[in-house]
N, C-alpha and C. Protein backbone atom coordinates (compact mmCIF):
# COMPACT_ATOMS: atom_id res chain seq x y z
N UNK A 1 71.39 131.51 172.17
CA UNK A 1 70.61 130.17 171.69
C UNK A 1 70.85 129.08 172.79
N UNK A 2 71.69 128.92 173.27
CA UNK A 2 72.14 127.72 173.89
C UNK A 2 70.71 127.48 175.05
N UNK A 3 70.32 128.53 175.62
CA UNK A 3 69.73 128.41 176.93
C UNK A 3 68.35 129.00 176.83
N UNK A 4 67.82 128.60 175.28
CA UNK A 4 66.59 129.44 175.19
C UNK A 4 65.54 128.60 175.41
N UNK A 5 64.26 129.07 175.99
CA UNK A 5 63.29 127.86 176.51
C UNK A 5 63.56 126.70 177.53
N UNK A 6 62.91 126.51 177.95
CA UNK A 6 62.61 125.40 179.37
C UNK A 6 63.25 123.91 178.85
N UNK A 7 62.82 123.62 177.68
CA UNK A 7 63.07 122.68 176.70
C UNK A 7 64.29 122.31 176.42
N UNK A 8 64.97 123.45 175.62
CA UNK A 8 66.40 123.37 175.06
C UNK A 8 67.45 123.54 176.48
N UNK A 9 66.56 124.04 177.55
CA UNK A 9 67.69 124.31 178.37
C UNK A 9 67.99 123.14 179.29
N UNK A 10 66.48 122.17 179.51
CA UNK A 10 66.73 120.58 180.15
C UNK A 10 67.44 119.83 179.27
N UNK A 11 67.50 119.93 177.77
CA UNK A 11 68.14 119.13 176.92
C UNK A 11 69.33 119.23 177.51
N UNK A 12 70.32 120.79 177.09
CA UNK A 12 71.32 120.94 177.28
C UNK A 12 71.94 120.63 178.79
N UNK A 13 71.43 120.54 179.91
CA UNK A 13 71.39 120.08 181.11
C UNK A 13 71.59 117.98 181.11
N UNK A 14 70.90 117.83 180.14
CA UNK A 14 71.09 116.22 180.04
C UNK A 14 72.27 115.90 179.21
N UNK A 15 72.53 116.67 178.35
CA UNK A 15 73.60 116.58 177.65
C UNK A 15 75.06 116.50 178.27
N UNK A 16 75.28 117.61 179.23
CA UNK A 16 76.25 118.10 180.18
C UNK A 16 76.00 116.85 180.97
N UNK A 17 75.12 116.07 181.40
CA UNK A 17 74.91 114.88 182.10
C UNK A 17 76.18 113.99 181.60
N UNK A 18 75.55 113.68 180.42
CA UNK A 18 76.18 112.48 179.61
C UNK A 18 77.51 112.70 179.13
N UNK A 19 77.79 114.25 179.06
CA UNK A 19 79.65 114.55 178.75
C UNK A 19 80.13 114.36 180.07
N UNK A 20 79.46 114.30 181.78
CA UNK A 20 80.13 114.37 182.86
C UNK A 20 80.40 112.64 183.00
N UNK A 21 79.19 112.23 182.59
CA UNK A 21 79.42 110.71 182.95
C UNK A 21 80.56 110.10 181.92
N UNK A 22 80.83 110.49 180.66
CA UNK A 22 81.91 110.25 180.18
C UNK A 22 83.22 110.35 180.76
N UNK A 23 83.30 111.57 181.09
CA UNK A 23 84.84 112.05 182.11
C UNK A 23 84.79 111.41 183.05
N UNK A 24 83.90 111.28 183.75
CA UNK A 24 84.06 110.21 185.28
C UNK A 24 84.97 108.93 184.35
N UNK A 25 84.46 108.31 183.66
CA UNK A 25 84.57 107.01 183.10
C UNK A 25 86.22 107.19 182.54
N UNK A 26 86.26 108.35 181.60
CA UNK A 26 87.70 108.30 181.40
C UNK A 26 88.64 108.50 182.42
N UNK A 27 88.22 109.14 183.68
CA UNK A 27 89.13 109.63 184.86
C UNK A 27 89.41 108.17 185.69
N UNK A 28 88.44 107.14 185.36
CA UNK A 28 88.82 105.84 185.84
C UNK A 28 89.50 105.08 185.18
N UNK A 29 89.56 105.27 183.58
CA UNK A 29 90.65 104.72 183.02
C UNK A 29 92.00 105.07 183.10
N UNK A 30 92.27 106.56 183.37
CA UNK A 30 93.57 107.18 183.21
C UNK A 30 94.21 106.57 184.70
N UNK A 31 93.10 106.44 185.67
CA UNK A 31 93.69 106.11 186.65
C UNK A 31 94.19 104.46 186.52
N UNK A 32 93.69 103.67 186.04
CA UNK A 32 94.23 102.30 185.99
C UNK A 32 95.31 102.49 185.13
N UNK A 33 95.34 102.96 184.09
CA UNK A 33 96.59 103.06 182.80
C UNK A 33 97.57 103.98 183.40
N UNK A 34 97.63 104.31 185.00
CA UNK A 34 98.89 105.22 185.28
C UNK A 34 99.31 106.15 185.32
N UNK A 35 98.19 106.95 184.45
CA UNK A 35 98.66 108.58 184.39
C UNK A 35 98.17 109.52 185.26
N UNK A 36 97.54 108.91 186.49
CA UNK A 36 97.13 109.40 187.57
C UNK A 36 98.10 109.14 188.91
N UNK A 37 98.78 108.37 188.50
CA UNK A 37 100.07 108.09 189.70
C UNK A 37 99.85 106.43 190.04
N UNK A 38 100.94 105.99 190.38
CA UNK A 38 100.90 104.50 190.99
C UNK A 38 99.54 104.29 191.97
N UNK A 39 99.36 104.97 192.76
CA UNK A 39 98.16 105.09 193.97
C UNK A 39 96.86 104.52 193.22
N UNK A 40 96.53 105.15 192.36
CA UNK A 40 95.02 104.95 191.54
C UNK A 40 95.06 103.91 190.87
N UNK A 41 96.17 103.05 190.60
CA UNK A 41 96.27 102.17 189.53
C UNK A 41 95.98 100.81 189.86
N UNK A 42 94.64 100.70 190.10
CA UNK A 42 93.82 99.36 190.19
C UNK A 42 92.42 99.06 189.61
N UNK A 43 92.06 98.08 189.64
CA UNK A 43 91.01 97.69 188.86
C UNK A 43 89.39 98.30 189.85
N UNK A 44 89.78 98.04 191.04
CA UNK A 44 88.46 98.81 192.50
C UNK A 44 88.21 100.16 191.74
N UNK A 45 89.53 100.76 191.75
CA UNK A 45 89.28 102.38 191.28
C UNK A 45 88.71 102.37 189.85
N UNK A 46 89.37 101.80 188.89
CA UNK A 46 88.42 101.86 187.40
C UNK A 46 86.97 101.46 187.59
N UNK A 47 86.84 100.46 188.27
CA UNK A 47 85.40 99.76 188.30
C UNK A 47 84.44 100.87 189.18
N UNK A 48 85.03 101.20 190.23
CA UNK A 48 83.91 102.29 190.78
C UNK A 48 83.69 103.31 189.91
N UNK A 49 84.74 103.89 189.11
CA UNK A 49 84.74 104.81 188.46
C UNK A 49 84.05 104.96 187.03
N UNK A 50 84.00 103.59 186.66
CA UNK A 50 83.22 103.27 185.17
C UNK A 50 81.49 103.15 185.79
N UNK A 51 81.52 102.44 187.04
CA UNK A 51 80.14 102.51 187.38
C UNK A 51 79.06 103.79 187.47
N UNK A 52 80.34 104.60 188.12
CA UNK A 52 79.51 106.26 188.28
C UNK A 52 79.14 106.63 187.10
N UNK A 53 80.36 106.35 186.23
CA UNK A 53 79.99 107.05 184.81
C UNK A 53 78.64 106.61 184.00
N UNK A 54 78.64 104.95 183.98
CA UNK A 54 77.49 104.63 183.50
C UNK A 54 76.06 105.23 184.30
N UNK A 55 76.32 105.43 185.58
CA UNK A 55 74.85 105.91 186.14
C UNK A 55 74.75 107.04 185.83
N UNK A 56 75.95 107.79 185.82
CA UNK A 56 75.25 109.35 185.00
C UNK A 56 74.68 109.05 183.44
N UNK A 57 75.48 108.31 182.84
CA UNK A 57 75.27 108.26 181.22
C UNK A 57 73.39 107.64 181.27
N UNK A 58 73.25 106.38 181.99
CA UNK A 58 71.75 106.26 182.19
C UNK A 58 70.72 107.01 182.88
N UNK A 59 71.22 107.82 183.59
CA UNK A 59 70.53 109.08 184.40
C UNK A 59 70.27 109.97 183.21
N UNK A 60 71.19 110.54 182.38
CA UNK A 60 71.09 111.46 181.47
C UNK A 60 69.90 110.64 180.30
N UNK A 61 70.06 109.35 180.01
CA UNK A 61 68.77 108.90 179.22
C UNK A 61 67.50 108.68 179.77
N UNK A 62 67.35 108.63 181.12
CA UNK A 62 66.29 108.92 181.63
C UNK A 62 65.43 110.06 181.76
N UNK A 63 66.60 111.12 181.76
CA UNK A 63 66.37 112.63 181.91
C UNK A 63 65.75 113.14 180.13
N UNK A 64 66.20 112.57 179.21
CA UNK A 64 66.16 112.48 177.83
C UNK A 64 64.61 112.20 177.27
N UNK A 65 64.62 111.03 177.75
CA UNK A 65 62.93 110.20 177.97
C UNK A 65 62.09 111.06 178.23
N UNK A 66 62.42 111.43 179.92
CA UNK A 66 61.08 112.67 180.19
C UNK A 66 60.88 113.86 179.70
N UNK A 67 62.16 114.43 178.99
CA UNK A 67 62.02 115.90 178.12
C UNK A 67 61.27 115.03 177.23
N UNK A 68 61.50 114.36 176.47
CA UNK A 68 60.32 113.98 175.04
C UNK A 68 59.23 113.48 175.22
N UNK A 69 58.69 113.29 176.43
CA UNK A 69 57.42 113.03 176.69
C UNK A 69 56.84 114.60 177.11
N UNK A 70 57.67 114.96 177.80
CA UNK A 70 57.21 116.83 178.39
C UNK A 70 57.22 117.20 176.75
N UNK A 71 58.00 117.30 175.93
CA UNK A 71 58.03 118.22 174.92
C UNK A 71 56.90 117.59 173.82
N UNK A 72 56.12 116.46 173.87
CA UNK A 72 55.38 115.84 172.96
C UNK A 72 53.87 116.53 173.70
N UNK A 73 53.94 116.96 174.87
CA UNK A 73 52.43 117.32 175.26
C UNK A 73 52.55 118.74 175.51
N UNK A 74 53.42 119.42 175.49
CA UNK A 74 53.54 120.83 175.25
C UNK A 74 52.88 121.88 174.09
N UNK A 75 52.37 122.87 174.65
CA UNK A 75 51.58 123.37 173.82
C UNK A 75 52.45 124.11 172.88
N UNK A 76 51.60 124.48 171.46
CA UNK A 76 52.48 125.12 170.50
C UNK A 76 52.01 126.38 170.46
N UNK A 77 52.68 127.20 170.46
CA UNK A 77 51.99 128.77 170.10
C UNK A 77 53.26 129.50 169.26
N UNK A 78 52.34 130.57 168.39
CA UNK A 78 53.46 131.34 167.49
C UNK A 78 53.70 132.78 168.18
N UNK A 79 55.09 132.66 168.04
CA UNK A 79 55.33 134.05 168.53
C UNK A 79 55.40 134.96 168.19
N UNK A 80 54.41 136.19 169.09
CA UNK A 80 54.21 137.62 168.06
C UNK A 80 55.11 138.13 167.68
N UNK A 81 56.56 137.76 168.02
CA UNK A 81 57.98 138.67 167.46
C UNK A 81 58.09 138.53 166.20
N UNK A 82 58.78 136.72 166.22
CA UNK A 82 59.13 136.17 165.25
C UNK A 82 58.51 135.24 164.14
N UNK A 83 57.28 135.21 164.76
CA UNK A 83 56.37 134.55 163.88
C UNK A 83 56.49 133.26 163.48
N UNK A 84 57.06 132.51 164.50
CA UNK A 84 57.75 131.25 164.47
C UNK A 84 56.75 130.35 165.34
N UNK A 85 56.78 128.88 164.99
CA UNK A 85 56.19 128.34 166.06
C UNK A 85 56.69 127.78 167.38
N UNK A 86 56.57 127.90 168.48
CA UNK A 86 57.59 127.53 169.59
C UNK A 86 56.29 126.90 170.21
N UNK A 87 57.43 125.96 171.13
CA UNK A 87 56.60 125.10 172.58
C UNK A 87 56.75 125.84 173.37
N UNK A 88 55.63 125.85 174.49
CA UNK A 88 55.03 126.29 175.75
C UNK A 88 54.99 125.28 176.69
N UNK A 89 55.85 125.33 178.04
CA UNK A 89 56.25 124.58 179.01
C UNK A 89 55.58 125.19 179.87
N UNK A 90 55.02 125.08 180.74
CA UNK A 90 54.35 125.93 181.96
C UNK A 90 53.63 127.03 181.65
N UNK A 91 53.43 127.90 182.62
CA UNK A 91 52.56 129.01 182.41
C UNK A 91 53.09 130.43 181.83
N UNK A 92 54.57 130.32 181.88
CA UNK A 92 55.54 131.18 181.31
C UNK A 92 56.56 130.43 180.40
N UNK A 93 57.00 130.75 179.67
CA UNK A 93 58.18 130.52 178.79
C UNK A 93 58.74 131.35 177.88
N UNK A 94 59.89 131.03 177.47
CA UNK A 94 60.96 131.95 176.35
C UNK A 94 60.42 131.39 175.25
N UNK A 95 60.86 132.07 174.09
CA UNK A 95 60.44 131.71 172.66
C UNK A 95 62.06 130.84 172.02
N UNK A 96 62.08 130.02 171.42
CA UNK A 96 63.17 128.96 171.09
C UNK A 96 64.12 129.90 170.30
N UNK A 97 63.48 130.71 169.67
CA UNK A 97 64.44 131.84 168.47
C UNK A 97 64.67 132.72 169.09
N UNK A 98 63.68 133.67 169.68
CA UNK A 98 64.26 135.27 169.56
C UNK A 98 64.10 135.40 171.27
N UNK A 99 63.36 134.35 172.33
CA UNK A 99 63.65 134.78 173.48
C UNK A 99 62.62 135.81 174.08
N UNK A 100 61.77 135.69 173.41
CA UNK A 100 60.73 136.70 173.57
C UNK A 100 59.91 135.87 174.78
N UNK A 101 59.56 136.60 175.86
CA UNK A 101 58.82 135.69 176.46
C UNK A 101 57.01 135.85 176.52
N UNK A 102 56.80 134.77 176.66
CA UNK A 102 55.52 134.16 176.28
C UNK A 102 54.90 133.66 177.31
N UNK A 103 53.19 133.70 177.36
CA UNK A 103 52.62 133.07 178.35
C UNK A 103 51.22 133.08 177.79
N UNK A 104 50.47 131.92 178.39
CA UNK A 104 48.92 131.42 177.94
C UNK A 104 48.16 132.08 179.08
N UNK A 105 48.73 132.56 180.17
CA UNK A 105 48.03 133.06 181.56
C UNK A 105 48.13 134.50 181.50
N UNK A 106 47.03 135.74 181.29
CA UNK A 106 47.57 136.78 181.40
C UNK A 106 48.04 137.46 182.64
N UNK A 107 47.57 136.97 183.56
CA UNK A 107 48.47 137.12 184.70
C UNK A 107 49.86 137.43 184.98
N UNK A 108 50.22 136.23 184.24
CA UNK A 108 51.97 136.24 183.98
C UNK A 108 52.17 136.56 182.72
N UNK A 109 51.59 137.35 182.08
CA UNK A 109 51.94 138.11 180.68
C UNK A 109 53.05 139.03 181.45
N UNK A 110 54.40 139.10 180.38
CA UNK A 110 55.27 140.14 180.56
C UNK A 110 54.53 141.73 180.39
N UNK A 111 55.39 142.46 181.49
CA UNK A 111 54.70 143.85 181.76
C UNK A 111 55.26 144.57 180.18
N UNK A 112 54.21 145.52 179.69
CA UNK A 112 54.65 146.16 178.10
C UNK A 112 54.85 147.59 178.51
N UNK A 113 56.20 148.22 178.16
CA UNK A 113 56.37 149.21 178.57
C UNK A 113 55.42 150.34 178.17
N UNK A 114 55.09 151.28 178.44
CA UNK A 114 54.42 152.48 177.64
C UNK A 114 55.42 153.48 176.79
N UNK A 115 54.59 153.20 175.96
CA UNK A 115 56.02 154.13 174.82
C UNK A 115 55.84 155.54 175.09
N UNK A 116 56.67 156.28 174.95
CA UNK A 116 56.44 157.69 174.67
C UNK A 116 56.18 158.60 173.75
């Protein structure tokens, strides 16, 4: 369920980028507080890591904004397997609920196995 559909996958990457930025900022504070040794105990080390963390968090916010715009323009279709409404990004995408491969173009439709 974590990586189902392109929109959810992009949202998860944006969330991980935000958490990564917070982690980088925490490393900067840990160095300043002396947890990483006396070599890293400086304001410059903390400032550099705080700025890098802030840039990661701002990048995550921009990515979330892009995903929101993409989600508002995505085509809504009904999944034939679970009968729920899901959003389709691109020519092929997975259902957000049951991972059924969906397509709006017959050329990219998943191949159905012949029933024996």
